[in-house]
Protein backbone atom coordinates (compact mmCIF):
# COMPACT_ATOMS: atom_id res chain seq x y z
CA MET A 1 -26.60 -4.35 43.98
CA LEU A 2 -25.23 -6.06 40.87
CA LYS A 3 -28.28 -4.93 38.90
CA LYS A 4 -27.71 -1.28 39.94
CA LEU A 5 -24.03 -1.49 38.99
CA LEU A 6 -24.89 -2.92 35.57
CA THR A 7 -27.51 -0.20 35.03
CA TRP A 8 -25.00 2.56 35.90
CA SER A 9 -22.37 1.01 33.62
CA LEU A 10 -24.79 0.97 30.69
CA LEU A 11 -25.92 4.52 31.40
CA LEU A 12 -22.35 5.85 31.61
CA GLY A 13 -21.49 4.04 28.38
CA ALA A 14 -24.32 5.84 26.63
CA ILE A 15 -23.34 9.24 28.03
CA TRP A 16 -19.64 8.99 27.15
CA PRO A 17 -19.54 7.09 23.85
CA HIS A 18 -16.11 8.48 22.89
CA THR A 19 -14.46 6.07 25.32
CA ALA A 20 -15.52 3.16 23.13
CA ARG A 21 -13.77 4.71 20.11
CA GLY A 22 -10.37 4.04 21.61
CA PHE A 23 -8.84 7.51 21.77
CA ASP A 24 -8.89 10.03 24.54
CA PRO A 25 -9.19 13.66 23.34
CA VAL A 26 -6.55 14.60 25.93
CA ARG A 27 -4.12 12.19 24.24
CA VAL A 28 -4.89 13.72 20.84
CA ASP A 29 -4.11 17.19 22.23
CA GLN A 30 -0.96 15.75 23.85
CA VAL A 31 0.39 14.39 20.58
CA LYS A 32 -0.41 17.65 18.78
CA LEU A 33 1.40 19.76 21.39
CA THR A 34 4.31 17.59 22.53
CA LYS A 35 4.64 15.14 19.60
CA HIS A 36 5.29 12.48 22.24
CA CYS A 37 2.80 9.69 22.75
CA PRO A 38 4.50 6.27 22.60
CA LYS A 39 2.24 3.26 23.14
CA CYS A 40 -0.86 5.44 23.47
CA ASP A 41 -4.22 4.67 21.88
CA LEU A 42 -5.25 7.19 19.24
CA SER A 43 -7.46 4.79 17.29
CA GLU A 44 -9.90 6.57 14.94
CA ALA A 45 -8.55 10.03 15.87
CA ASP A 46 -8.53 12.84 13.33
CA LEU A 47 -4.92 13.94 12.80
CA ALA A 48 -5.45 15.22 9.27
CA GLU A 49 -3.30 18.22 8.31
CA GLU A 50 -1.31 17.96 11.58
CA ASP A 51 2.40 18.75 11.81
CA LEU A 52 3.76 15.59 13.44
CA ARG A 53 7.36 15.96 12.26
CA GLY A 54 9.66 14.03 14.57
CA ALA A 55 6.77 12.73 16.70
CA ASN A 56 7.45 9.73 18.92
CA LEU A 57 4.53 7.37 18.23
CA GLN A 58 6.50 4.19 18.74
CA GLY A 59 4.17 1.29 19.52
CA ALA A 60 1.08 3.53 19.42
CA PHE A 61 -2.36 2.23 18.41
CA LEU A 62 -3.30 4.32 15.36
CA THR A 63 -5.92 2.03 13.85
CA GLY A 64 -8.28 3.90 11.53
CA VAL A 65 -6.61 7.27 12.13
CA ASP A 66 -7.10 10.00 9.52
CA LEU A 67 -3.59 11.20 8.65
CA GLU A 68 -4.54 12.87 5.36
CA ASN A 69 -1.92 15.50 4.50
CA ALA A 70 -0.27 15.03 7.92
CA ASP A 71 3.47 15.72 7.99
CA LEU A 72 5.13 12.65 9.49
CA ARG A 73 8.70 13.32 8.42
CA ARG A 74 11.20 11.75 10.82
CA ALA A 75 8.32 10.45 13.00
CA ASP A 76 9.06 7.26 14.92
CA LEU A 77 6.31 4.78 14.02
CA ARG A 78 8.21 1.60 14.89
CA ARG A 79 5.86 -1.22 15.91
CA ALA A 80 2.87 1.15 15.67
CA ASP A 81 -0.48 -0.24 14.52
CA LEU A 82 -1.62 1.92 11.60
CA SER A 83 -3.97 -0.64 10.11
CA LEU A 84 -6.91 0.81 8.16
CA SER A 85 -5.49 4.32 8.52
CA PHE A 86 -5.86 6.96 5.83
CA PHE A 87 -2.70 8.72 4.61
CA TRP A 88 -3.63 9.98 1.16
CA GLY A 89 -2.19 13.41 0.52
CA SER A 90 -2.98 15.95 -2.14
CA ASN A 91 -0.25 16.30 -4.74
CA SER A 92 1.32 13.09 -3.35
CA GLU A 93 2.98 14.90 -0.46
CA VAL A 94 2.23 12.99 2.71
CA GLY A 95 5.85 13.14 3.82
CA LEU A 96 6.02 9.83 5.70
CA ARG A 97 9.83 9.79 5.49
CA ALA A 98 9.66 8.13 8.85
CA ASN A 99 10.85 5.09 10.71
CA ALA A 100 7.96 2.65 10.32
CA GLY A 101 9.96 -0.53 10.83
CA GLY A 102 7.73 -3.37 12.00
CA ALA A 103 4.63 -1.17 11.80
CA ASN A 104 1.21 -2.69 11.12
CA LEU A 105 -0.09 -0.89 8.03
CA ARG A 106 -2.59 -3.59 6.98
CA GLY A 107 -5.25 -2.14 4.74
CA ALA A 108 -3.86 1.39 5.10
CA ASN A 109 -4.64 3.86 2.33
CA LEU A 110 -1.26 5.20 1.22
CA GLN A 111 -2.29 6.28 -2.29
CA GLY A 112 0.14 8.84 -3.63
CA ALA A 113 2.09 8.92 -0.35
CA ASP A 114 5.65 10.21 -0.41
CA LEU A 115 7.54 7.34 1.20
CA GLU A 116 10.91 8.17 -0.32
CA GLU A 117 13.69 6.54 1.71
CA ALA A 118 11.24 5.52 4.46
CA ASN A 119 12.39 2.69 6.71
CA MET A 120 9.62 0.12 6.54
CA THR A 121 11.72 -2.92 7.41
CA GLY A 122 9.45 -5.79 8.42
CA ALA A 123 6.32 -3.64 8.09
CA ASP A 124 3.02 -5.44 7.50
CA LEU A 125 1.40 -3.76 4.48
CA GLU A 126 -0.93 -6.61 3.59
CA GLY A 127 -3.88 -5.31 1.59
CA ALA A 128 -2.65 -1.71 1.74
CA ASP A 129 -3.14 0.64 -1.21
CA LEU A 130 0.17 2.11 -2.35
CA SER A 131 -1.09 3.12 -5.80
CA GLY A 132 0.99 6.00 -7.10
CA ALA A 133 3.13 6.08 -3.95
CA ASN A 134 6.75 7.22 -4.14
CA LEU A 135 8.82 4.43 -2.57
CA PHE A 136 12.09 5.56 -4.17
CA GLY A 137 14.95 4.19 -2.05
CA ALA A 138 12.57 2.91 0.64
CA ASN A 139 13.72 0.01 2.81
CA LEU A 140 11.03 -2.66 2.52
CA GLN A 141 13.29 -5.50 3.59
CA SER A 142 11.23 -8.42 4.94
CA ALA A 143 8.01 -6.40 4.58
CA ASN A 144 4.69 -8.15 3.93
CA LEU A 145 3.22 -6.74 0.71
CA ARG A 146 0.77 -9.61 0.11
CA GLY A 147 -2.33 -8.28 -1.64
CA THR A 148 -0.94 -4.74 -1.67
CA LYS A 149 -1.92 -2.47 -4.57
CA LEU A 150 1.25 -1.11 -6.17
CA LYS A 151 -0.18 0.27 -9.45
CA THR A 152 2.08 3.11 -10.68
CA ALA A 153 4.09 3.04 -7.42
CA ASN A 154 7.72 4.10 -7.79
CA LEU A 155 9.87 1.27 -6.39
CA SER A 156 13.13 2.50 -7.96
CA GLN A 157 16.12 1.69 -5.77
CA ALA A 158 13.84 0.26 -3.05
CA ASN A 159 15.29 -2.57 -0.98
CA LEU A 160 12.84 -5.46 -1.36
CA CYS A 161 15.13 -8.15 0.04
CA ASN A 162 12.97 -10.96 1.46
CA ALA A 163 9.80 -8.90 1.05
CA VAL A 164 6.68 -10.93 0.34
CA MET A 165 5.26 -9.42 -2.84
CA PRO A 166 1.52 -8.93 -3.64
CA ASP A 167 1.41 -12.33 -5.35
CA GLY A 168 2.85 -14.04 -2.25
CA ILE A 169 6.31 -14.66 -3.76
CA ARG A 170 9.36 -13.67 -1.71
CA ASN A 171 11.53 -11.10 -3.51
CA ARG A 172 15.32 -11.16 -3.53
CA THR A 173 15.89 -7.65 -5.00
CA GLY A 174 18.40 -5.79 -2.86
CA CYS A 175 19.68 -8.88 -1.06
CA ARG A 176 23.43 -9.16 -0.83
CA PRO A 177 24.95 -12.38 -2.20
C-alpha cells in the first residue's frame, strides 16, 4: 500500500510540476483582479507590466517574481519576501513608491527603480542591486544595505539613520540628536 501511495505521489508530481514552483495560477489571477493577496505565495510568478497600484501584498512570498515595469505605487509590501525578485524598469520608472518596511529584498534587482519617498524602514536589501535607482527622500532607517550596489543611486534626502551600509558600517545620516 505504501509503495502504491509513493508511486502515485511521484506520478502526480510529474504531471503537475507548477505546484513545486510555489505559486498557484489562481492566486496570480486573484492578485491581478483584486489586488489583495496578503501572505499568499506568488514565488516565481510573472507579474511584469502589471498594474498593482495599492495592492495588499503584506507578508506575501514573492521570491524570484518578475516585477519588471510593474506599477507598485502605494502597494503594501510590509514584511513581504521579495528576495531575488526582478524590478528593473525601462526609463527608470518602476514606481515602487510603496510601503516596503521590513521587506526581504535580498539580492533583488532594483536597477534604475523609482523608489522616491518609499518607506523601506528595516528592509533587508543585502546584496541587492540599486544601481541608478532613485531613492530621493526614501526612508531606509535601520535597513540592511550590506553588499548592496549603489553605483549612481540618488540618495539625496534619504533617511539612512542606523542603516547598515554596503561596507558593513552603520550610518547615522538622518538620525536626530
